[in-house]
Amino acid sequence: MIFVGAVILPFLVQLHAQDFITIIVSAVVAVSAAITHFFQFGDRRRIYRLTYEELRREINYFDVHGGVYKNLKPDEAFELFLDQTLKLIFQNLRDFFTVVGAEPSQR
């Protein structure tokens, strides 16, 4: 929404659109940018996406008995899978709380 509004705004000004439309689009862009920055949605999304990709990769290796799961008995492979996924989840939590801890307090 921020990018769309930022791109549309100069065209509205150039086309001499009604002032209230230009003001509304400008305000929506400014508020959206402020909210996105304040809550750091980009950083959180990046953390979630990286964790998702790492977990998906681990599940694929486990399913096809590839990577570190090659030549392991089913019980050993499952134990290793649990260990690997827990490490990824705890890494996600550590990264998440690093981002949240850096956020301004919300009172």
Foldseek 3Di string as FASTA:
>chain_A
DLVVLVVCLVVCVVVVPDPVVSVVSVVVNVVVVVVCVQVVPVQLVVLVVVLVVQLVVLVVCLVVCDDPSPPDDNVVSVVVSVVVNVVSVVVSVVSVVVVVVPHDDDD
